[in-house]
Amino acid sequence: MKNKKWLWYTLAGLDVAITVFLFVIHIIMIANISGATTPEAQEALRNQPGLIGLLAKNTTLYLVAFVIPLFVILAVNIVALVLYVKKQTKKEPVKVSDLSDEQKEALKKQLLEDLKKGNE
């Protein structure tokens, strides 16, 4: 894949867009349900045309289409974050050529001390 970076950007943008959409639907549902405190208001909410009325009538559809996907996206994002952090914090072995002259001298002294202690 030549443009792998664009694929990750597209996936991240799609993830953000889907998450925002699901959160907006949840906020609208919470606002409507909390406002419907009387049985008449709840019945009016269920009879309301459109997506909110449909979701108020069919709570299973709301669960399957909006609640569960949001939790799945959250879990996938957490796993991806943990894997990304592990990958980024992986320590690369230090090469002797990367050390400065002072660090090389300090390493030599430490190795000589360790060898002297090992011989005792």
PDB file of N, CA and C in Angstrom:
ATOM      1  N   MET A   1       0.832  -1.182   0.000  1.00  0.00           N
ATOM      2  CA  MET A   1       0.000   0.000   0.000  1.00  0.00           C
ATOM      3  C   MET A   1       0.869   1.234   0.000  1.00  0.00           C
ATOM      4  N   LYS A   2       0.671   2.026  -1.004  1.00  0.00           N
ATOM      5  CA  LYS A   2       1.504   3.205  -1.139  1.00  0.00           C
ATOM      6  C   LYS A   2       1.059   4.336  -0.217  1.00  0.00           C
ATOM      7  N   ASN A   3      -0.242   4.541  -0.125  1.00  0.00           N
ATOM      8  CA  ASN A   3      -0.771   5.639   0.691  1.00  0.00           C
ATOM      9  C   ASN A   3      -1.446   5.113   1.946  1.00  0.00           C
ATOM     10  N   LYS A   4      -0.704   4.407   2.757  1.00  0.00           N
ATOM     11  CA  LYS A   4      -1.267   3.821   3.974  1.00  0.00           C
ATOM     12  C   LYS A   4      -1.657   4.896   4.983  1.00  0.00           C
ATOM     13  N   LYS A   5      -0.942   6.005   4.971  1.00  0.00           N
ATOM     14  CA  LYS A   5      -1.236   7.093   5.912  1.00  0.00           C
ATOM     15  C   LYS A   5      -2.640   7.644   5.670  1.00  0.00           C
ATOM     16  N   TRP A   6      -3.034   7.805   4.399  1.00  0.00           N
ATOM     17  CA  TRP A   6      -4.366   8.320   4.080  1.00  0.00           C
ATOM     18  C   TRP A   6      -5.452   7.363   4.530  1.00  0.00           C
ATOM     19  N   LEU A   7      -5.160   6.069   4.486  1.00  0.00           N
ATOM     20  CA  LEU A   7      -6.124   5.085   4.958  1.00  0.00           C
ATOM     21  C   LEU A   7      -6.377   5.267   6.454  1.00  0.00           C
ATOM     22  N   TRP A   8      -5.323   5.467   7.234  1.00  0.00           N
ATOM     23  CA  TRP A   8      -5.476   5.673   8.675  1.00  0.00           C
ATOM     24  C   TRP A   8      -6.201   6.980   8.967  1.00  0.00           C
ATOM     25  N   TYR A   9      -5.889   8.032   8.202  1.00  0.00           N
ATOM     26  CA  TYR A   9      -6.592   9.300   8.387  1.00  0.00           C
ATOM     27  C   TYR A   9      -8.077   9.157   8.068  1.00  0.00           C
ATOM     28  N   THR A  10      -8.380   8.424   7.010  1.00  0.00           N
ATOM     29  CA  THR A  10      -9.775   8.205   6.635  1.00  0.00           C
ATOM     30  C   THR A  10     -10.502   7.412   7.703  1.00  0.00           C
ATOM     31  N   LEU A  11      -9.866   6.363   8.216  1.00  0.00           N
ATOM     32  CA  LEU A  11     -10.482   5.556   9.269  1.00  0.00           C
ATOM     33  C   LEU A  11     -10.699   6.376  10.544  1.00  0.00           C
ATOM     34  N   ALA A  12      -9.735   7.202  10.887  1.00  0.00           N
ATOM     35  CA  ALA A  12      -9.885   8.047  12.082  1.00  0.00           C
ATOM     36  C   ALA A  12     -11.013   9.059  11.889  1.00  0.00           C
ATOM     37  N   GLY A  13     -11.099   9.651  10.723  1.00  0.00           N
ATOM     38  CA  GLY A  13     -12.180  10.591  10.443  1.00  0.00           C
ATOM     39  C   GLY A  13     -13.539   9.923  10.463  1.00  0.00           C
ATOM     40  N   LEU A  14     -13.616   8.727   9.900  1.00  0.00           N
ATOM     41  CA  LEU A  14     -14.867   7.967   9.913  1.00  0.00           C
ATOM     42  C   LEU A  14     -15.253   7.585  11.336  1.00  0.00           C
ATOM     43  N   ASP A  15     -14.262   7.211  12.132  1.00  0.00           N
ATOM     44  CA  ASP A  15     -14.505   6.868  13.533  1.00  0.00           C
ATOM     45  C   ASP A  15     -15.063   8.065  14.296  1.00  0.00           C
ATOM     46  N   VAL A  16     -14.475   9.222  14.091  1.00  0.00           N
ATOM     47  CA  VAL A  16     -14.943  10.432  14.772  1.00  0.00           C
ATOM     48  C   VAL A  16     -16.349  10.792  14.306  1.00  0.00           C
ATOM     49  N   ALA A  17     -16.602  10.706  13.006  1.00  0.00           N
ATOM     50  CA  ALA A  17     -17.923  11.065  12.476  1.00  0.00           C
ATOM     51  C   ALA A  17     -19.007  10.136  13.019  1.00  0.00           C
ATOM     52  N   ILE A  18     -18.748   8.840  13.033  1.00  0.00           N
ATOM     53  CA  ILE A  18     -19.734   7.878  13.542  1.00  0.00           C
ATOM     54  C   ILE A  18     -19.962   8.093  15.037  1.00  0.00           C
ATOM     55  N   THR A  19     -18.888   8.310  15.778  1.00  0.00           N
ATOM     56  CA  THR A  19     -19.010   8.524  17.223  1.00  0.00           C
ATOM     57  C   THR A  19     -19.822   9.781  17.527  1.00  0.00           C
ATOM     58  N   VAL A  20     -19.546  10.857  16.820  1.00  0.00           N
ATOM     59  CA  VAL A  20     -20.291  12.102  17.036  1.00  0.00           C
ATOM     60  C   VAL A  20     -21.763  11.896  16.686  1.00  0.00           C
ATOM     61  N   PHE A  21     -22.049  11.223  15.575  1.00  0.00           N
ATOM     62  CA  PHE A  21     -23.434  10.963  15.181  1.00  0.00           C
ATOM     63  C   PHE A  21     -24.159  10.159  16.265  1.00  0.00           C
ATOM     64  N   LEU A  22     -23.520   9.111  16.760  1.00  0.00           N
ATOM     65  CA  LEU A  22     -24.161   8.289  17.784  1.00  0.00           C
ATOM     66  C   LEU A  22     -24.379   9.080  19.072  1.00  0.00           C
ATOM     67  N   PHE A  23     -23.408   9.902  19.454  1.00  0.00           N
ATOM     68  CA  PHE A  23     -23.581  10.721  20.657  1.00  0.00           C
ATOM     69  C   PHE A  23     -24.711  11.738  20.488  1.00  0.00           C
ATOM     70  N   VAL A  24     -24.845  12.319  19.307  1.00  0.00           N
ATOM     71  CA  VAL A  24     -25.923  13.280  19.070  1.00  0.00           C
ATOM     72  C   VAL A  24     -27.276  12.585  19.206  1.00  0.00           C
ATOM     73  N   ILE A  25     -27.408  11.392  18.641  1.00  0.00           N
ATOM     74  CA  ILE A  25     -28.664  10.638  18.771  1.00  0.00           C
ATOM     75  C   ILE A  25     -28.943  10.337  20.245  1.00  0.00           C
ATOM     76  N   HIS A  26     -27.909   9.949  20.996  1.00  0.00           N
ATOM     77  CA  HIS A  26     -28.094   9.664  22.428  1.00  0.00           C
ATOM     78  C   HIS A  26     -28.535  10.909  23.191  1.00  0.00           C
ATOM     79  N   ILE A  27     -27.941  12.033  22.893  1.00  0.00           N
ATOM     80  CA  ILE A  27     -28.306  13.276  23.583  1.00  0.00           C
ATOM     81  C   ILE A  27     -29.748  13.660  23.266  1.00  0.00           C
ATOM     82  N   ILE A  28     -30.147  13.523  22.008  1.00  0.00           N
ATOM     83  CA  ILE A  28     -31.527  13.831  21.631  1.00  0.00           C
ATOM     84  C   ILE A  28     -32.490  12.888  22.347  1.00  0.00           C
ATOM     85  N   MET A  29     -32.151  11.611  22.401  1.00  0.00           N
ATOM     86  CA  MET A  29     -33.022  10.645  23.076  1.00  0.00           C
ATOM     87  C   MET A  29     -33.117  10.954  24.570  1.00  0.00           C
ATOM     88  N   ILE A  30     -32.006  11.260  25.195  1.00  0.00           N
ATOM     89  CA  ILE A  30     -32.022  11.569  26.634  1.00  0.00           C
ATOM     90  C   ILE A  30     -32.848  12.824  26.899  1.00  0.00           C
ATOM     91  N   ALA A  31     -32.689  13.840  26.059  1.00  0.00           N
ATOM     92  CA  ALA A  31     -33.452  15.073  26.247  1.00  0.00           C
ATOM     93  C   ALA A  31     -34.946  14.827  26.088  1.00  0.00           C
ATOM     94  N   ASN A  32     -35.335  14.026  25.111  1.00  0.00           N
ATOM     95  CA  ASN A  32     -36.757  13.756  24.890  1.00  0.00           C
ATOM     96  C   ASN A  32     -37.340  12.858  25.965  1.00  0.00           C
ATOM     97  N   ILE A  33     -36.602  11.855  26.371  1.00  0.00           N
ATOM     98  CA  ILE A  33     -37.126  10.921  27.374  1.00  0.00           C
ATOM     99  C   ILE A  33     -37.200  11.592  28.743  1.00  0.00           C
ATOM    100  N   SER A  34     -36.218  12.400  29.094  1.00  0.00           N
ATOM    101  CA  SER A  34     -36.269  13.064  30.399  1.00  0.00           C
ATOM    102  C   SER A  34     -37.358  14.125  30.448  1.00  0.00           C
ATOM    103  N   GLY A  35     -37.731  14.672  29.292  1.00  0.00           N
ATOM    104  CA  GLY A  35     -38.801  15.655  29.253  1.00  0.00           C
ATOM    105  C   GLY A  35     -40.181  15.025  29.316  1.00  0.00           C
ATOM    106  N   ALA A  36     -40.269  13.742  28.966  1.00  0.00           N
ATOM    107  CA  ALA A  36     -41.561  13.045  28.963  1.00  0.00           C
ATOM    108  C   ALA A  36     -41.756  12.360  30.302  1.00  0.00           C
ATOM    109  N   THR A  37     -42.223  13.120  31.296  1.00  0.00           N
ATOM    110  CA  THR A  37     -42.378  12.561  32.642  1.00  0.00           C
ATOM    111  C   THR A  37     -43.763  11.979  32.874  1.00  0.00           C
ATOM    112  N   THR A  38     -44.746  12.454  32.173  1.00  0.00           N
ATOM    113  CA  THR A  38     -46.101  11.932  32.356  1.00  0.00           C
ATOM    114  C   THR A  38     -46.376  10.839  31.322  1.00  0.00           C
ATOM    115  N   PRO A  39     -47.305   9.955  31.605  1.00  0.00           N
ATOM    116  CA  PRO A  39     -47.645   8.908  30.620  1.00  0.00           C
ATOM    117  C   PRO A  39     -48.144   9.476  29.294  1.00  0.00           C
ATOM    118  N   GLU A  40     -48.847  10.617  29.348  1.00  0.00           N
ATOM    119  CA  GLU A  40     -49.322  11.234  28.106  1.00  0.00           C
ATOM    120  C   GLU A  40     -48.152  11.739  27.271  1.00  0.00           C
ATOM    121  N   ALA A  41     -47.149  12.314  27.931  1.00  0.00           N
ATOM    122  CA  ALA A  41     -45.971  12.821  27.215  1.00  0.00           C
ATOM    123  C   ALA A  41     -45.159  11.670  26.640  1.00  0.00           C
ATOM    124  N   GLN A  42     -45.078  10.559  27.363  1.00  0.00           N
ATOM    125  CA  GLN A  42     -44.368   9.387  26.852  1.00  0.00           C
ATOM    126  C   GLN A  42     -45.078   8.804  25.637  1.00  0.00           C
ATOM    127  N   GLU A  43     -46.396   8.775  25.679  1.00  0.00           N
ATOM    128  CA  GLU A  43     -47.164   8.276  24.539  1.00  0.00           C
ATOM    129  C   GLU A  43     -47.016   9.210  23.338  1.00  0.00           C
ATOM    130  N   ALA A  44     -46.977  10.507  23.592  1.00  0.00           N
ATOM    131  CA  ALA A  44     -46.773  11.472  22.507  1.00  0.00           C
ATOM    132  C   ALA A  44     -45.388  11.308  21.896  1.00  0.00           C
ATOM    133  N   LEU A  45     -44.412  10.983  22.731  1.00  0.00           N
ATOM    134  CA  LEU A  45     -43.055  10.746  22.219  1.00  0.00           C
ATOM    135  C   LEU A  45     -43.026   9.508  21.329  1.00  0.00           C
ATOM    136  N   ARG A  46     -43.726   8.453  21.739  1.00  0.00           N
ATOM    137  CA  ARG A  46     -43.761   7.227  20.938  1.00  0.00           C
ATOM    138  C   ARG A  46     -44.499   7.439  19.617  1.00  0.00           C
ATOM    139  N   ASN A  47     -45.474   8.314  19.607  1.00  0.00           N
ATOM    140  CA  ASN A  47     -46.249   8.571  18.390  1.00  0.00           C
ATOM    141  C   ASN A  47     -45.626   9.640  17.507  1.00  0.00           C
ATOM    142  N   GLN A  48     -44.544  10.204  17.946  1.00  0.00           N
ATOM    143  CA  GLN A  48     -43.861  11.251  17.185  1.00  0.00           C
ATOM    144  C   GLN A  48     -43.302  10.659  15.889  1.00  0.00           C
ATOM    145  N   PRO A  49     -43.474  11.337  14.764  1.00  0.00           N
ATOM    146  CA  PRO A  49     -42.917  10.807  13.509  1.00  0.00           C
ATOM    147  C   PRO A  49     -41.400  11.021  13.461  1.00  0.00           C
ATOM    148  N   GLY A  50     -40.737  10.210  12.705  1.00  0.00           N
ATOM    149  CA  GLY A  50     -39.306  10.367  12.529  1.00  0.00           C
ATOM    150  C   GLY A  50     -38.500   9.358  13.330  1.00  0.00           C
ATOM    151  N   LEU A  51     -37.218   9.593  13.356  1.00  0.00           N
ATOM    152  CA  LEU A  51     -36.280   8.649  13.971  1.00  0.00           C
ATOM    153  C   LEU A  51     -36.465   8.550  15.479  1.00  0.00           C
ATOM    154  N   ILE A  52     -36.673   9.653  16.146  1.00  0.00           N
ATOM    155  CA  ILE A  52     -36.780   9.639  17.607  1.00  0.00           C
ATOM    156  C   ILE A  52     -38.024   8.875  18.047  1.00  0.00           C
ATOM    157  N   GLY A  53     -39.139   9.085  17.364  1.00  0.00           N
ATOM    158  CA  GLY A  53     -40.357   8.340  17.681  1.00  0.00           C
ATOM    159  C   GLY A  53     -40.186   6.859  17.436  1.00  0.00           C
ATOM    160  N   LEU A  54     -39.522   6.507  16.336  1.00  0.00           N
ATOM    161  CA  LEU A  54     -39.262   5.099  16.035  1.00  0.00           C
ATOM    162  C   LEU A  54     -38.384   4.461  17.102  1.00  0.00           C
ATOM    163  N   LEU A  55     -37.344   5.163  17.522  1.00  0.00           N
ATOM    164  CA  LEU A  55     -36.454   4.624  18.547  1.00  0.00           C
ATOM    165  C   LEU A  55     -37.136   4.556  19.913  1.00  0.00           C
ATOM    166  N   ALA A  56     -38.034   5.485  20.190  1.00  0.00           N
ATOM    167  CA  ALA A  56     -38.766   5.443  21.456  1.00  0.00           C
ATOM    168  C   ALA A  56     -39.727   4.262  21.486  1.00  0.00           C
ATOM    169  N   LYS A  57     -40.302   3.924  20.324  1.00  0.00           N
ATOM    170  CA  LYS A  57     -41.197   2.763  20.231  1.00  0.00           C
ATOM    171  C   LYS A  57     -40.424   1.460  20.300  1.00  0.00           C
ATOM    172  N   ASN A  58     -39.338   1.383  19.570  1.00  0.00           N
ATOM    173  CA  ASN A  58     -38.557   0.147  19.445  1.00  0.00           C
ATOM    174  C   ASN A  58     -37.237   0.296  20.184  1.00  0.00           C
ATOM    175  N   THR A  59     -37.256   0.006  21.472  1.00  0.00           N
ATOM    176  CA  THR A  59     -36.036   0.166  22.266  1.00  0.00           C
ATOM    177  C   THR A  59     -34.975  -0.869  21.903  1.00  0.00           C
ATOM    178  N   THR A  60     -35.402  -2.024  21.396  1.00  0.00           N
ATOM    179  CA  THR A  60     -34.425  -3.024  20.955  1.00  0.00           C
ATOM    180  C   THR A  60     -33.641  -2.519  19.750  1.00  0.00           C
ATOM    181  N   LEU A  61     -34.340  -1.865  18.838  1.00  0.00           N
ATOM    182  CA  LEU A  61     -33.665  -1.268  17.683  1.00  0.00           C
ATOM    183  C   LEU A  61     -32.672  -0.204  18.143  1.00  0.00           C
ATOM    184  N   TYR A  62     -33.066   0.598  19.104  1.00  0.00           N
ATOM    185  CA  TYR A  62     -32.179   1.625  19.653  1.00  0.00           C
ATOM    186  C   TYR A  62     -30.934   0.989  20.272  1.00  0.00           C
ATOM    187  N   LEU A  63     -31.138  -0.096  21.009  1.00  0.00           N
ATOM    188  CA  LEU A  63     -30.018  -0.793  21.640  1.00  0.00           C
ATOM    189  C   LEU A  63     -29.057  -1.358  20.598  1.00  0.00           C
ATOM    190  N   VAL A  64     -29.607  -2.052  19.623  1.00  0.00           N
ATOM    191  CA  VAL A  64     -28.770  -2.739  18.631  1.00  0.00           C
ATOM    192  C   VAL A  64     -28.123  -1.768  17.654  1.00  0.00           C
ATOM    193  N   ALA A  65     -28.847  -0.730  17.264  1.00  0.00           N
ATOM    194  CA  ALA A  65     -28.335   0.164  16.226  1.00  0.00           C
ATOM    195  C   ALA A  65     -27.501   1.328  16.756  1.00  0.00           C
ATOM    196  N   PHE A  66     -27.671   1.692  18.047  1.00  0.00           N
ATOM    197  CA  PHE A  66     -26.989   2.886  18.529  1.00  0.00           C
ATOM    198  C   PHE A  66     -26.157   2.662  19.789  1.00  0.00           C
ATOM    199  N   VAL A  67     -26.661   1.911  20.746  1.00  0.00           N
ATOM    200  CA  VAL A  67     -25.955   1.752  22.015  1.00  0.00           C
ATOM    201  C   VAL A  67     -24.791   0.778  21.878  1.00  0.00           C
ATOM    202  N   ILE A  68     -25.058  -0.414  21.380  1.00  0.00           N
ATOM    203  CA  ILE A  68     -24.000  -1.435  21.262  1.00  0.00           C
ATOM    204  C   ILE A  68     -22.875  -0.976  20.325  1.00  0.00           C
ATOM    205  N   PRO A  69     -23.175  -0.403  19.145  1.00  0.00           N
ATOM    206  CA  PRO A  69     -22.065   0.076  18.303  1.00  0.00           C
ATOM    207  C   PRO A  69     -21.181   1.114  18.981  1.00  0.00           C
ATOM    208  N   LEU A  70     -21.776   1.970  19.811  1.00  0.00           N
ATOM    209  CA  LEU A  70     -20.960   2.967  20.500  1.00  0.00           C
ATOM    210  C   LEU A  70     -20.003   2.316  21.485  1.00  0.00           C
ATOM    211  N   PHE A  71     -20.471   1.291  22.207  1.00  0.00           N
ATOM    212  CA  PHE A  71     -19.582   0.579  23.121  1.00  0.00           C
ATOM    213  C   PHE A  71     -18.516  -0.207  22.369  1.00  0.00           C
ATOM    214  N   VAL A  72     -18.865  -0.764  21.225  1.00  0.00           N
ATOM    215  CA  VAL A  72     -17.876  -1.490  20.415  1.00  0.00           C
ATOM    216  C   VAL A  72     -16.800  -0.527  19.912  1.00  0.00           C
ATOM    217  N   ILE A  73     -17.216   0.631  19.430  1.00  0.00           N
ATOM    218  CA  ILE A  73     -16.248   1.635  18.963  1.00  0.00           C
ATOM    219  C   ILE A  73     -15.351   2.071  20.111  1.00  0.00           C
ATOM    220  N   LEU A  74     -15.928   2.259  21.288  1.00  0.00           N
ATOM    221  CA  LEU A  74     -15.132   2.639  22.459  1.00  0.00           C
ATOM    222  C   LEU A  74     -14.102   1.562  22.785  1.00  0.00           C
ATOM    223  N   ALA A  75     -14.503   0.304  22.775  1.00  0.00           N
ATOM    224  CA  ALA A  75     -13.578  -0.790  23.078  1.00  0.00           C
ATOM    225  C   ALA A  75     -12.469  -0.878  22.033  1.00  0.00           C
ATOM    226  N   VAL A  76     -12.824  -0.751  20.769  1.00  0.00           N
ATOM    227  CA  VAL A  76     -11.814  -0.809  19.701  1.00  0.00           C
ATOM    228  C   VAL A  76     -10.844   0.359  19.824  1.00  0.00           C
ATOM    229  N   ASN A  77     -11.348   1.538  20.150  1.00  0.00           N
ATOM    230  CA  ASN A  77     -10.466   2.700  20.318  1.00  0.00           C
ATOM    231  C   ASN A  77      -9.514   2.521  21.495  1.00  0.00           C
ATOM    232  N   ILE A  78      -9.981   1.934  22.572  1.00  0.00           N
ATOM    233  CA  ILE A  78      -9.112   1.701  23.733  1.00  0.00           C
ATOM    234  C   ILE A  78      -8.024   0.700  23.385  1.00  0.00           C
ATOM    235  N   VAL A  79      -8.393  -0.393  22.724  1.00  0.00           N
ATOM    236  CA  VAL A  79      -7.400  -1.403  22.331  1.00  0.00           C
ATOM    237  C   VAL A  79      -6.387  -0.798  21.356  1.00  0.00           C
ATOM    238  N   ALA A  80      -6.869  -0.033  20.386  1.00  0.00           N
ATOM    239  CA  ALA A  80      -5.960   0.597  19.424  1.00  0.00           C
ATOM    240  C   ALA A  80      -5.020   1.579  20.110  1.00  0.00           C
ATOM    241  N   LEU A  81      -5.515   2.324  21.085  1.00  0.00           N
ATOM    242  CA  LEU A  81      -4.671   3.267  21.819  1.00  0.00           C
ATOM    243  C   LEU A  81      -3.587   2.535  22.601  1.00  0.00           C
ATOM    244  N   VAL A  82      -3.954   1.444  23.265  1.00  0.00           N
ATOM    245  CA  VAL A  82      -2.972   0.681  24.037  1.00  0.00           C
ATOM    246  C   VAL A  82      -1.901   0.109  23.109  1.00  0.00           C
ATOM    247  N   LEU A  83      -2.304  -0.459  21.976  1.00  0.00           N
ATOM    248  CA  LEU A  83      -1.330  -1.013  21.027  1.00  0.00           C
ATOM    249  C   LEU A  83      -0.435   0.078  20.451  1.00  0.00           C
ATOM    250  N   TYR A  84      -0.998   1.237  20.165  1.00  0.00           N
ATOM    251  CA  TYR A  84      -0.213   2.342  19.630  1.00  0.00           C
ATOM    252  C   TYR A  84       0.812   2.831  20.646  1.00  0.00           C
ATOM    253  N   VAL A  85       0.392   2.947  21.907  1.00  0.00           N
ATOM    254  CA  VAL A  85       1.314   3.413  22.949  1.00  0.00           C
ATOM    255  C   VAL A  85       2.429   2.394  23.157  1.00  0.00           C
ATOM    256  N   LYS A  86       2.085   1.109  23.158  1.00  0.00           N
ATOM    257  CA  LYS A  86       3.120   0.077  23.304  1.00  0.00           C
ATOM    258  C   LYS A  86       4.112   0.132  22.154  1.00  0.00           C
ATOM    259  N   LYS A  87       3.607   0.336  20.954  1.00  0.00           N
ATOM    260  CA  LYS A  87       4.483   0.399  19.782  1.00  0.00           C
ATOM    261  C   LYS A  87       5.399   1.624  19.842  1.00  0.00           C
ATOM    262  N   GLN A  88       4.864   2.758  20.292  1.00  0.00           N
ATOM    263  CA  GLN A  88       5.649   3.982  20.334  1.00  0.00           C
ATOM    264  C   GLN A  88       6.677   3.998  21.462  1.00  0.00           C
ATOM    265  N   THR A  89       6.396   3.284  22.551  1.00  0.00           N
ATOM    266  CA  THR A  89       7.317   3.306  23.687  1.00  0.00           C
ATOM    267  C   THR A  89       8.297   2.149  23.661  1.00  0.00           C
ATOM    268  N   LYS A  90       8.281   1.356  22.618  1.00  0.00           N
ATOM    269  CA  LYS A  90       9.232   0.259  22.506  1.00  0.00           C
ATOM    270  C   LYS A  90      10.637   0.831  22.441  1.00  0.00           C
ATOM    271  N   LYS A  91      11.502   0.385  23.356  1.00  0.00           N
ATOM    272  CA  LYS A  91      12.855   0.924  23.411  1.00  0.00           C
ATOM    273  C   LYS A  91      13.722   0.212  22.379  1.00  0.00           C
ATOM    274  N   GLU A  92      14.414   1.020  21.615  1.00  0.00           N
ATOM    275  CA  GLU A  92      15.351   0.472  20.647  1.00  0.00           C
ATOM    276  C   GLU A  92      16.689   0.261  21.343  1.00  0.00           C
ATOM    277  N   PRO A  93      17.386  -0.810  20.987  1.00  0.00           N
ATOM    278  CA  PRO A  93      18.677  -1.038  21.630  1.00  0.00           C
ATOM    279  C   PRO A  93      19.672   0.079  21.281  1.00  0.00           C
ATOM    280  N   VAL A  94      20.449   0.456  22.269  1.00  0.00           N
ATOM    281  CA  VAL A  94      21.424   1.524  22.078  1.00  0.00           C
ATOM    282  C   VAL A  94      22.656   0.940  21.410  1.00  0.00           C
ATOM    283  N   LYS A  95      23.116   1.607  20.379  1.00  0.00           N
ATOM    284  CA  LYS A  95      24.321   1.172  19.662  1.00  0.00           C
ATOM    285  C   LYS A  95      25.507   1.959  20.195  1.00  0.00           C
ATOM    286  N   VAL A  96      26.660   1.332  20.190  1.00  0.00           N
ATOM    287  CA  VAL A  96      27.867   1.988  20.684  1.00  0.00           C
ATOM    288  C   VAL A  96      28.200   3.192  19.820  1.00  0.00           C
ATOM    289  N   SER A  97      27.899   3.112  18.542  1.00  0.00           N
ATOM    290  CA  SER A  97      28.210   4.236  17.654  1.00  0.00           C
ATOM    291  C   SER A  97      27.336   5.458  17.956  1.00  0.00           C
ATOM    292  N   ASP A  98      26.217   5.254  18.639  1.00  0.00           N
ATOM    293  CA  ASP A  98      25.339   6.371  18.992  1.00  0.00           C
ATOM    294  C   ASP A  98      25.818   7.118  20.231  1.00  0.00           C
ATOM    295  N   LEU A  99      26.726   6.538  21.000  1.00  0.00           N
ATOM    296  CA  LEU A  99      27.188   7.149  22.247  1.00  0.00           C
ATOM    297  C   LEU A  99      28.224   8.229  21.973  1.00  0.00           C
ATOM    298  N   SER A 100      28.246   9.221  22.859  1.00  0.00           N
ATOM    299  CA  SER A 100      29.274  10.257  22.755  1.00  0.00           C
ATOM    300  C   SER A 100      30.567   9.711  23.361  1.00  0.00           C
ATOM    301  N   ASP A 101      31.664  10.452  23.195  1.00  0.00           N
ATOM    302  CA  ASP A 101      32.962   9.997  23.713  1.00  0.00           C
ATOM    303  C   ASP A 101      32.942   9.886  25.234  1.00  0.00           C
ATOM    304  N   GLU A 102      32.265  10.817  25.905  1.00  0.00           N
ATOM    305  CA  GLU A 102      32.187  10.754  27.365  1.00  0.00           C
ATOM    306  C   GLU A 102      31.392   9.530  27.818  1.00  0.00           C
ATOM    307  N   GLN A 103      30.327   9.234  27.114  1.00  0.00           N
ATOM    308  CA  GLN A 103      29.512   8.072  27.470  1.00  0.00           C
ATOM    309  C   GLN A 103      30.280   6.771  27.229  1.00  0.00           C
ATOM    310  N   LYS A 104      31.089   6.746  26.175  1.00  0.00           N
ATOM    311  CA  LYS A 104      31.899   5.553  25.896  1.00  0.00           C
ATOM    312  C   LYS A 104      32.927   5.330  27.006  1.00  0.00           C
ATOM    313  N   GLU A 105      33.551   6.414  27.466  1.00  0.00           N
ATOM    314  CA  GLU A 105      34.531   6.300  28.546  1.00  0.00           C
ATOM    315  C   GLU A 105      33.866   5.826  29.833  1.00  0.00           C
ATOM    316  N   ALA A 106      32.690   6.366  30.133  1.00  0.00           N
ATOM    317  CA  ALA A 106      31.976   5.950  31.337  1.00  0.00           C
ATOM    318  C   ALA A 106      31.580   4.478  31.235  1.00  0.00           C
ATOM    319  N   LEU A 107      31.199   4.035  30.058  1.00  0.00           N
ATOM    320  CA  LEU A 107      30.837   2.632  29.860  1.00  0.00           C
ATOM    321  C   LEU A 107      32.062   1.723  30.036  1.00  0.00           C
ATOM    322  N   LYS A 108      33.193   2.150  29.537  1.00  0.00           N
ATOM    323  CA  LYS A 108      34.419   1.363  29.708  1.00  0.00           C
ATOM    324  C   LYS A 108      34.778   1.212  31.174  1.00  0.00           C
ATOM    325  N   LYS A 109      34.691   2.335  31.920  1.00  0.00           N
ATOM    326  CA  LYS A 109      34.998   2.289  33.352  1.00  0.00           C
ATOM    327  C   LYS A 109      34.051   1.352  34.086  1.00  0.00           C
ATOM    328  N   GLN A 110      32.772   1.421  33.749  1.00  0.00           N
ATOM    329  CA  GLN A 110      31.785   0.570  34.406  1.00  0.00           C
ATOM    330  C   GLN A 110      32.027  -0.896  34.071  1.00  0.00           C
ATOM    331  N   LEU A 111      32.384  -1.192  32.835  1.00  0.00           N
ATOM    332  CA  LEU A 111      32.675  -2.579  32.446  1.00  0.00           C
ATOM    333  C   LEU A 111      33.915  -3.102  33.162  1.00  0.00           C
ATOM    334  N   LEU A 112      34.947  -2.269  33.289  1.00  0.00           N
ATOM    335  CA  LEU A 112      36.154  -2.687  34.000  1.00  0.00           C
ATOM    336  C   LEU A 112      35.852  -2.960  35.473  1.00  0.00           C
ATOM    337  N   GLU A 113      35.019  -2.117  36.096  1.00  0.00           N
ATOM    338  CA  GLU A 113      34.637  -2.346  37.494  1.00  0.00           C
ATOM    339  C   GLU A 113      33.842  -3.643  37.636  1.00  0.00           C
ATOM    340  N   ASP A 114      32.945  -3.889  36.712  1.00  0.00           N
ATOM    341  CA  ASP A 114      32.151  -5.130  36.755  1.00  0.00           C
ATOM    342  C   ASP A 114      33.040  -6.357  36.570  1.00  0.00           C
ATOM    343  N   LEU A 115      34.056  -6.247  35.709  1.00  0.00           N
ATOM    344  CA  LEU A 115      34.971  -7.372  35.510  1.00  0.00           C
ATOM    345  C   LEU A 115      35.822  -7.619  36.755  1.00  0.00           C
ATOM    346  N   LYS A 116      36.238  -6.544  37.422  1.00  0.00           N
ATOM    347  CA  LYS A 116      37.026  -6.700  38.644  1.00  0.00           C
ATOM    348  C   LYS A 116      36.194  -7.338  39.730  1.00  0.00           C
ATOM    349  N   LYS A 117      34.940  -6.939  39.868  1.00  0.00           N
ATOM    350  CA  LYS A 117      34.053  -7.536  40.868  1.00  0.00           C
ATOM    351  C   LYS A 117      33.773  -8.992  40.550  1.00  0.00           C
ATOM    352  N   GLY A 118      33.698  -9.313  39.269  1.00  0.00           N
ATOM    353  CA  GLY A 118      33.417 -10.695  38.857  1.00  0.00           C
ATOM    354  C   GLY A 118      34.583 -11.616  39.125  1.00  0.00           C
ATOM    355  N   ASN A 119      35.821 -11.108  39.101  1.00  0.00           N
ATOM    356  CA  ASN A 119      37.006 -11.916  39.321  1.00  0.00           C
ATOM    357  C   ASN A 119      37.243 -12.170  40.818  1.00  0.00           C
ATOM    358  N   GLU A 120      36.667 -11.370  41.682  1.00  0.00           N
ATOM    359  CA  GLU A 120      36.910 -11.517  43.120  1.00  0.00           C
ATOM    360  C   GLU A 120      36.179 -12.668  43.700  1.00  0.00           C
TER     361      GLU A 120
END
